[in-house]
Each structure stands twice: as C-alpha cells, then as structure tokens.
Amino acid sequence: MIRLSKVTKPLRGRPPGDARERILQAARQLIGHAGYDATSVPQIVEEAGVAQGTFYRYFKSKADLSKALADIFNKQLMGKFDEVFESQLPIFEMMPAIIGKLLKLFQEYRDIMSFLEEHTMSFGTSAHAVDLREHHYARMAVVIARDQKIGLIRNDIKPELLARIGGDVFMNLARMVALEESELEPTEIFMSGKAFVMAALAPQEK
C-alpha cells in the first residue's frame, strides 16, 4: 500500500520573519517529528528563536497553538471547497474534484493530522469543526436542490438530508484516509465512497 507521505511544508499566513509564524513553523516541525505530547513550549520557543514570553503573547497554551494550526488547515480546506462550489459543476462532477483536493491536502498535513483530529473540519469533534461542517452541508444542500430540479438527483428526499448523508459518508472516509485507519489505498477509499453516494443520489426508476 502506498501511504500518504509525511512531509512538512511551510505554513501560509504571516511573513516568514514574524514571531507568530516562526512559532507555528517550529511547533509543526517538532510535533510532526516527535508528537504532540513529547513537544514542550520551551522546545518550541527554542526552535523558533523567540522568548517564552513571546509565545504566550500569541497563544494561551500549547493547546491554543494546536487550534491555531488547525485553523490554518481548515482555512485551506474551506478554500478548496470554495473553488469547487464556485465552479457550478453538477454534484456528480463536484465529488471527484473534492476528492482530489482532499487527498492533496491530507498528504500535505499528514505529519500533524493525528493531533489536529479534534479540530479538523473534515471529521473533528470540536464545536468549531462541527460548525464548519454544518456550513458545508448547507452549501451542499443548495447544489443538490438545484440538481434535483433538473432531474440529475432523486427528488424524493429533502436536499438537507441528502447533503448530510453524503457528507457523513465522506467525513468517515476522510478520517480513514487522514489517520490511516485502513490498509486500502486512499484513492480506492474515496472512489468507493463516490460510487456509493452516486448510486444513492441517482434518480429512481419509475
């Protein structure tokens, strides 16, 4: 099985010389290498080249910093979804586009995905992650309603329910891929989910 590579890439946001950005960069590198529990604030500030007081100027705690890293991931993820929704493609064409973007983003963040789990929009359990998903479900329901009107999707189930059913399927598949909870190839996992959702959404024969 080809695993998603564990790579560390520069975080986007503030200029490279900014203290907050250096702290985030250092935290990601250390956590990606040694894990969240084994990484301390003193280690982070030493790696970032800043004073410990500077750390607490930007973050209340290491847990607060982890939320900041998750926010960076979520903003990038939402940006990917925005690109797909703005394309105005039918839902069945949106799905493979979203799958491709998910795979690339999970690969980029594979080094720290396990500790971001709670706050990740795709499958996190925090209130913020749930709110982000609710926004995504609402947008998906609009697309489904549009495609129902032109006969591309079954119209005997409310768009909001179809959006949640399909979204929850992909949420669980995203978790499997991001946290490597399956021996199956990531592409196979997502494409199987796509086939399942497409069959569930297809117009019913009369």
C-alpha atoms as a PDB file:
ATOM      1  CA  MET A   1       0.000   0.000   0.000  1.00  0.00           C
ATOM      2  CA  ILE A   2       1.247   3.482  -0.840  1.00  0.00           C
ATOM      3  CA  ARG A   3       0.989   5.614   2.288  1.00  0.00           C
ATOM      4  CA  LEU A   4       0.458   9.336   2.255  1.00  0.00           C
ATOM      5  CA  SER A   5       3.935  10.778   2.602  1.00  0.00           C
ATOM      6  CA  LYS A   6       4.841  12.508   5.842  1.00  0.00           C
ATOM      7  CA  VAL A   7       6.061  15.869   4.654  1.00  0.00           C
ATOM      8  CA  THR A   8       6.392  19.240   6.304  1.00  0.00           C
ATOM      9  CA  LYS A   9       5.673  22.265   4.156  1.00  0.00           C
ATOM     10  CA  PRO A  10       5.831  25.962   5.033  1.00  0.00           C
ATOM     11  CA  LEU A  11       2.715  27.259   6.735  1.00  0.00           C
ATOM     12  CA  ARG A  12       0.900  30.078   4.993  1.00  0.00           C
ATOM     13  CA  GLY A  13      -0.323  33.227   6.665  1.00  0.00           C
ATOM     14  CA  ARG A  14       2.117  35.792   8.024  1.00  0.00           C
ATOM     15  CA  PRO A  15       5.558  36.871   6.699  1.00  0.00           C
ATOM     16  CA  PRO A  16       8.375  34.326   7.327  1.00  0.00           C
ATOM     17  CA  GLY A  17      10.120  36.608   9.827  1.00  0.00           C
ATOM     18  CA  ASP A  18       7.056  37.139  12.002  1.00  0.00           C
ATOM     19  CA  ALA A  19       7.376  35.717  15.519  1.00  0.00           C
ATOM     20  CA  ARG A  20       3.923  34.104  15.498  1.00  0.00           C
ATOM     21  CA  GLU A  21       4.664  32.417  12.190  1.00  0.00           C
ATOM     22  CA  ARG A  22       8.048  31.188  13.423  1.00  0.00           C
ATOM     23  CA  ILE A  23       6.364  29.671  16.478  1.00  0.00           C
ATOM     24  CA  LEU A  24       3.796  27.896  14.294  1.00  0.00           C
ATOM     25  CA  GLN A  25       6.521  26.642  11.964  1.00  0.00           C
ATOM     26  CA  ALA A  26       8.609  25.359  14.845  1.00  0.00           C
ATOM     27  CA  ALA A  27       5.644  23.703  16.544  1.00  0.00           C
ATOM     28  CA  ARG A  28       4.632  21.903  13.396  1.00  0.00           C
ATOM     29  CA  GLN A  29       8.148  20.632  12.765  1.00  0.00           C
ATOM     30  CA  LEU A  30       8.635  19.407  16.319  1.00  0.00           C
ATOM     31  CA  ILE A  31       5.171  17.880  16.667  1.00  0.00           C
ATOM     32  CA  GLY A  32       5.469  16.234  13.275  1.00  0.00           C
ATOM     33  CA  HIS A  33       8.775  14.675  14.335  1.00  0.00           C
ATOM     34  CA  ALA A  34       8.196  13.761  17.988  1.00  0.00           C
ATOM     35  CA  GLY A  35       4.432  14.004  18.519  1.00  0.00           C
ATOM     36  CA  TYR A  36       2.268  16.464  20.411  1.00  0.00           C
ATOM     37  CA  ASP A  37       2.753  15.081  23.932  1.00  0.00           C
ATOM     38  CA  ALA A  38       6.550  14.912  23.580  1.00  0.00           C
ATOM     39  CA  THR A  39       6.812  18.513  22.404  1.00  0.00           C
ATOM     40  CA  SER A  40       7.061  21.245  25.043  1.00  0.00           C
ATOM     41  CA  VAL A  41       6.651  25.013  24.901  1.00  0.00           C
ATOM     42  CA  PRO A  42      10.349  25.540  25.798  1.00  0.00           C
ATOM     43  CA  GLN A  43      11.335  23.324  22.872  1.00  0.00           C
ATOM     44  CA  ILE A  44       9.053  25.252  20.544  1.00  0.00           C
ATOM     45  CA  VAL A  45      10.391  28.688  21.520  1.00  0.00           C
ATOM     46  CA  GLU A  46      13.980  27.464  21.298  1.00  0.00           C
ATOM     47  CA  GLU A  47      13.359  26.112  17.803  1.00  0.00           C
ATOM     48  CA  ALA A  48      11.542  29.315  16.813  1.00  0.00           C
ATOM     49  CA  GLY A  49      14.278  31.553  18.240  1.00  0.00           C
ATOM     50  CA  VAL A  50      11.919  33.597  20.410  1.00  0.00           C
ATOM     51  CA  ALA A  51      11.494  34.200  24.134  1.00  0.00           C
ATOM     52  CA  GLN A  52       8.965  32.129  26.053  1.00  0.00           C
ATOM     53  CA  GLY A  53       7.066  35.313  26.895  1.00  0.00           C
ATOM     54  CA  THR A  54       6.642  35.890  23.159  1.00  0.00           C
ATOM     55  CA  PHE A  55       4.909  32.516  22.870  1.00  0.00           C
ATOM     56  CA  TYR A  56       2.322  33.493  25.484  1.00  0.00           C
ATOM     57  CA  ARG A  57       1.793  36.837  23.774  1.00  0.00           C
ATOM     58  CA  TYR A  58       0.234  34.928  20.885  1.00  0.00           C
ATOM     59  CA  PHE A  59      -1.020  31.695  22.466  1.00  0.00           C
ATOM     60  CA  LYS A  60      -2.564  30.960  25.864  1.00  0.00           C
ATOM     61  CA  SER A  61      -1.160  27.429  25.884  1.00  0.00           C
ATOM     62  CA  LYS A  62       0.138  24.635  23.694  1.00  0.00           C
ATOM     63  CA  ALA A  63      -3.471  23.536  23.212  1.00  0.00           C
ATOM     64  CA  ASP A  64      -4.320  27.020  21.956  1.00  0.00           C
ATOM     65  CA  LEU A  65      -1.447  26.772  19.490  1.00  0.00           C
ATOM     66  CA  SER A  66      -2.804  23.459  18.234  1.00  0.00           C
ATOM     67  CA  LYS A  67      -6.116  25.169  17.461  1.00  0.00           C
ATOM     68  CA  ALA A  68      -4.224  27.822  15.509  1.00  0.00           C
ATOM     69  CA  LEU A  69      -2.560  25.116  13.420  1.00  0.00           C
ATOM     70  CA  ALA A  70      -5.964  23.516  12.850  1.00  0.00           C
ATOM     71  CA  ASP A  71      -7.367  26.886  11.762  1.00  0.00           C
ATOM     72  CA  ILE A  72      -4.677  27.122   9.094  1.00  0.00           C
ATOM     73  CA  PHE A  73      -5.625  23.676   7.830  1.00  0.00           C
ATOM     74  CA  ASN A  74      -9.350  24.452   7.928  1.00  0.00           C
ATOM     75  CA  LYS A  75      -8.936  27.726   6.046  1.00  0.00           C
ATOM     76  CA  GLN A  76      -7.044  25.916   3.302  1.00  0.00           C
ATOM     77  CA  LEU A  77      -9.650  23.166   3.218  1.00  0.00           C
ATOM     78  CA  MET A  78     -12.534  25.623   3.007  1.00  0.00           C
ATOM     79  CA  GLY A  79     -10.665  27.421   0.241  1.00  0.00           C
ATOM     80  CA  LYS A  80     -10.515  24.164  -1.721  1.00  0.00           C
ATOM     81  CA  PHE A  81     -14.244  23.656  -1.243  1.00  0.00           C
ATOM     82  CA  ASP A  82     -14.900  27.238  -2.308  1.00  0.00           C
ATOM     83  CA  GLU A  83     -13.061  26.610  -5.570  1.00  0.00           C
ATOM     84  CA  VAL A  84     -15.238  23.581  -6.301  1.00  0.00           C
ATOM     85  CA  PHE A  85     -18.539  25.234  -5.374  1.00  0.00           C
ATOM     86  CA  GLU A  86     -17.719  28.309  -7.432  1.00  0.00           C
ATOM     87  CA  SER A  87     -17.286  26.064 -10.475  1.00  0.00           C
ATOM     88  CA  GLN A  88     -21.075  25.485 -10.514  1.00  0.00           C
ATOM     89  CA  LEU A  89     -20.499  21.877 -11.604  1.00  0.00           C
ATOM     90  CA  PRO A  90     -23.225  19.248 -11.119  1.00  0.00           C
ATOM     91  CA  ILE A  91     -22.883  17.392  -7.825  1.00  0.00           C
ATOM     92  CA  PHE A  92     -21.598  14.221  -9.517  1.00  0.00           C
ATOM     93  CA  GLU A  93     -18.744  16.204 -11.087  1.00  0.00           C
ATOM     94  CA  MET A  94     -18.043  18.089  -7.878  1.00  0.00           C
ATOM     95  CA  MET A  95     -17.345  14.886  -5.964  1.00  0.00           C
ATOM     96  CA  PRO A  96     -14.189  13.795  -7.820  1.00  0.00           C
ATOM     97  CA  ALA A  97     -12.889  17.371  -7.714  1.00  0.00           C
ATOM     98  CA  ILE A  98     -13.353  17.487  -3.937  1.00  0.00           C
ATOM     99  CA  ILE A  99     -11.775  14.050  -3.543  1.00  0.00           C
ATOM    100  CA  GLY A 100      -8.666  15.133  -5.405  1.00  0.00           C
ATOM    101  CA  LYS A 101      -8.276  18.260  -3.286  1.00  0.00           C
ATOM    102  CA  LEU A 102      -8.821  16.320  -0.052  1.00  0.00           C
ATOM    103  CA  LEU A 103      -6.120  13.818  -0.922  1.00  0.00           C
ATOM    104  CA  LYS A 104      -3.569  16.533  -1.692  1.00  0.00           C
ATOM    105  CA  LEU A 105      -4.316  18.495   1.469  1.00  0.00           C
ATOM    106  CA  PHE A 106      -4.231  15.427   3.712  1.00  0.00           C
ATOM    107  CA  GLN A 107      -0.885  14.486   2.210  1.00  0.00           C
ATOM    108  CA  GLU A 108       0.477  17.961   2.915  1.00  0.00           C
ATOM    109  CA  TYR A 109      -0.637  17.797   6.558  1.00  0.00           C
ATOM    110  CA  ARG A 110      -0.027  14.105   7.185  1.00  0.00           C
ATOM    111  CA  ASP A 111       2.784  14.876   9.635  1.00  0.00           C
ATOM    112  CA  ILE A 112       0.413  16.503  12.143  1.00  0.00           C
ATOM    113  CA  MET A 113      -3.022  15.258  11.127  1.00  0.00           C
ATOM    114  CA  SER A 114      -3.456  12.922  14.090  1.00  0.00           C
ATOM    115  CA  PHE A 115      -3.158  15.705  16.671  1.00  0.00           C
ATOM    116  CA  LEU A 116      -5.321  18.064  14.593  1.00  0.00           C
ATOM    117  CA  GLU A 117      -8.081  15.452  14.590  1.00  0.00           C
ATOM    118  CA  GLU A 118     -10.358  17.134  17.148  1.00  0.00           C
ATOM    119  CA  HIS A 119     -10.446  20.473  15.337  1.00  0.00           C
ATOM    120  CA  THR A 120     -10.342  19.331  11.706  1.00  0.00           C
ATOM    121  CA  MET A 121     -13.379  20.407   9.682  1.00  0.00           C
ATOM    122  CA  SER A 122     -13.460  17.109   7.777  1.00  0.00           C
ATOM    123  CA  PHE A 123     -14.102  14.889  10.796  1.00  0.00           C
ATOM    124  CA  GLY A 124     -13.236  16.749  14.004  1.00  0.00           C
ATOM    125  CA  THR A 125     -15.316  16.580  17.167  1.00  0.00           C
ATOM    126  CA  SER A 126     -14.894  20.143  18.464  1.00  0.00           C
ATOM    127  CA  ALA A 127     -17.784  22.606  18.300  1.00  0.00           C
ATOM    128  CA  HIS A 128     -15.864  24.696  15.770  1.00  0.00           C
ATOM    129  CA  ALA A 129     -15.296  21.687  13.494  1.00  0.00           C
ATOM    130  CA  VAL A 130     -18.991  20.803  13.703  1.00  0.00           C
ATOM    131  CA  ASP A 131     -19.979  24.382  12.813  1.00  0.00           C
ATOM    132  CA  LEU A 132     -17.703  24.320   9.767  1.00  0.00           C
ATOM    133  CA  ARG A 133     -19.294  21.076   8.598  1.00  0.00           C
ATOM    134  CA  GLU A 134     -22.776  22.499   9.079  1.00  0.00           C
ATOM    135  CA  HIS A 135     -21.848  25.368   6.761  1.00  0.00           C
ATOM    136  CA  HIS A 136     -20.555  22.862   4.236  1.00  0.00           C
ATOM    137  CA  TYR A 137     -23.715  20.732   4.455  1.00  0.00           C
ATOM    138  CA  ALA A 138     -25.865  23.822   3.861  1.00  0.00           C
ATOM    139  CA  ARG A 139     -23.935  24.687   0.709  1.00  0.00           C
ATOM    140  CA  MET A 140     -24.137  21.100  -0.491  1.00  0.00           C
ATOM    141  CA  ALA A 141     -27.911  21.081   0.039  1.00  0.00           C
ATOM    142  CA  VAL A 142     -28.239  24.095  -2.266  1.00  0.00           C
ATOM    143  CA  VAL A 143     -26.353  22.256  -5.017  1.00  0.00           C
ATOM    144  CA  ILE A 144     -28.438  19.122  -4.507  1.00  0.00           C
ATOM    145  CA  ALA A 145     -31.685  21.111  -4.657  1.00  0.00           C
ATOM    146  CA  ARG A 146     -30.505  22.697  -7.898  1.00  0.00           C
ATOM    147  CA  ASP A 147     -29.695  19.320  -9.437  1.00  0.00           C
ATOM    148  CA  GLN A 148     -32.987  17.830  -8.222  1.00  0.00           C
ATOM    149  CA  LYS A 149     -34.894  20.460 -10.192  1.00  0.00           C
ATOM    150  CA  ILE A 150     -33.251  19.392 -13.450  1.00  0.00           C
ATOM    151  CA  GLY A 151     -33.606  15.673 -12.781  1.00  0.00           C
ATOM    152  CA  LEU A 152     -29.971  14.803 -12.047  1.00  0.00           C
ATOM    153  CA  ILE A 153     -30.676  13.653  -8.487  1.00  0.00           C
ATOM    154  CA  ARG A 154     -33.539  11.775  -6.881  1.00  0.00           C
ATOM    155  CA  ASN A 155     -36.144  14.208  -5.600  1.00  0.00           C
ATOM    156  CA  ASP A 156     -37.988  12.068  -3.079  1.00  0.00           C
ATOM    157  CA  ILE A 157     -35.642  13.028  -0.208  1.00  0.00           C
ATOM    158  CA  LYS A 158     -35.046  16.523   1.144  1.00  0.00           C
ATOM    159  CA  PRO A 159     -31.794  18.148  -0.078  1.00  0.00           C
ATOM    160  CA  GLU A 160     -30.704  18.866   3.504  1.00  0.00           C
ATOM    161  CA  LEU A 161     -30.940  15.191   4.417  1.00  0.00           C
ATOM    162  CA  LEU A 162     -29.171  14.014   1.268  1.00  0.00           C
ATOM    163  CA  ALA A 163     -26.381  16.522   1.912  1.00  0.00           C
ATOM    164  CA  ARG A 164     -25.918  15.234   5.441  1.00  0.00           C
ATOM    165  CA  ILE A 165     -25.995  11.574   4.429  1.00  0.00           C
ATOM    166  CA  GLY A 166     -23.453  12.083   1.667  1.00  0.00           C
ATOM    167  CA  GLY A 167     -21.355  14.412   3.799  1.00  0.00           C
ATOM    168  CA  ASP A 168     -21.212  11.955   6.680  1.00  0.00           C
ATOM    169  CA  VAL A 169     -20.094   9.190   4.329  1.00  0.00           C
ATOM    170  CA  PHE A 170     -17.181  11.277   3.119  1.00  0.00           C
ATOM    171  CA  MET A 171     -16.436  12.517   6.648  1.00  0.00           C
ATOM    172  CA  ASN A 172     -15.851   8.951   7.805  1.00  0.00           C
ATOM    173  CA  LEU A 173     -13.844   8.113   4.710  1.00  0.00           C
ATOM    174  CA  ALA A 174     -11.744  11.250   5.240  1.00  0.00           C
ATOM    175  CA  ARG A 175     -10.966  10.059   8.748  1.00  0.00           C
ATOM    176  CA  MET A 176      -9.911   6.639   7.434  1.00  0.00           C
ATOM    177  CA  VAL A 177      -7.559   8.226   4.925  1.00  0.00           C
ATOM    178  CA  ALA A 178      -6.116  11.028   7.055  1.00  0.00           C
ATOM    179  CA  LEU A 179      -5.465   8.830  10.101  1.00  0.00           C
ATOM    180  CA  GLU A 180      -4.538   5.734   8.076  1.00  0.00           C
ATOM    181  CA  GLU A 181      -7.245   3.620   9.665  1.00  0.00           C
ATOM    182  CA  SER A 182      -7.450   1.319   6.651  1.00  0.00           C
ATOM    183  CA  GLU A 183      -4.999  -0.736   4.623  1.00  0.00           C
ATOM    184  CA  LEU A 184      -6.802   0.258   1.428  1.00  0.00           C
ATOM    185  CA  GLU A 185      -5.337   2.859  -0.908  1.00  0.00           C
ATOM    186  CA  PRO A 186      -6.652   6.402  -0.214  1.00  0.00           C
ATOM    187  CA  THR A 187      -7.883   6.774  -3.782  1.00  0.00           C
ATOM    188  CA  GLU A 188      -9.737   3.464  -3.592  1.00  0.00           C
ATOM    189  CA  ILE A 189     -11.413   4.508  -0.339  1.00  0.00           C
ATOM    190  CA  PHE A 190     -12.677   7.810  -1.709  1.00  0.00           C
ATOM    191  CA  MET A 191     -13.701   6.482  -5.105  1.00  0.00           C
ATOM    192  CA  SER A 192     -15.671   3.683  -3.437  1.00  0.00           C
ATOM    193  CA  GLY A 193     -17.437   6.329  -1.396  1.00  0.00           C
ATOM    194  CA  LYS A 194     -18.147   8.315  -4.535  1.00  0.00           C
ATOM    195  CA  ALA A 195     -19.676   5.256  -6.226  1.00  0.00           C
ATOM    196  CA  PHE A 196     -21.847   4.594  -3.177  1.00  0.00           C
ATOM    197  CA  VAL A 197     -23.093   8.192  -2.936  1.00  0.00           C
ATOM    198  CA  MET A 198     -23.723   8.410  -6.681  1.00  0.00           C
ATOM    199  CA  ALA A 199     -25.862   5.276  -6.526  1.00  0.00           C
ATOM    200  CA  ALA A 200     -27.770   6.683  -3.550  1.00  0.00           C
ATOM    201  CA  LEU A 201     -28.405  10.026  -5.258  1.00  0.00           C
ATOM    202  CA  ALA A 202     -29.329   8.673  -8.675  1.00  0.00           C
ATOM    203  CA  PRO A 203     -32.910   9.309  -9.861  1.00  0.00           C
ATOM    204  CA  GLN A 204     -35.233   6.430  -9.021  1.00  0.00           C
ATOM    205  CA  GLU A 205     -36.582   4.321 -11.867  1.00  0.00           C
ATOM    206  CA  LYS A 206     -40.322   4.548 -12.351  1.00  0.00           C
END
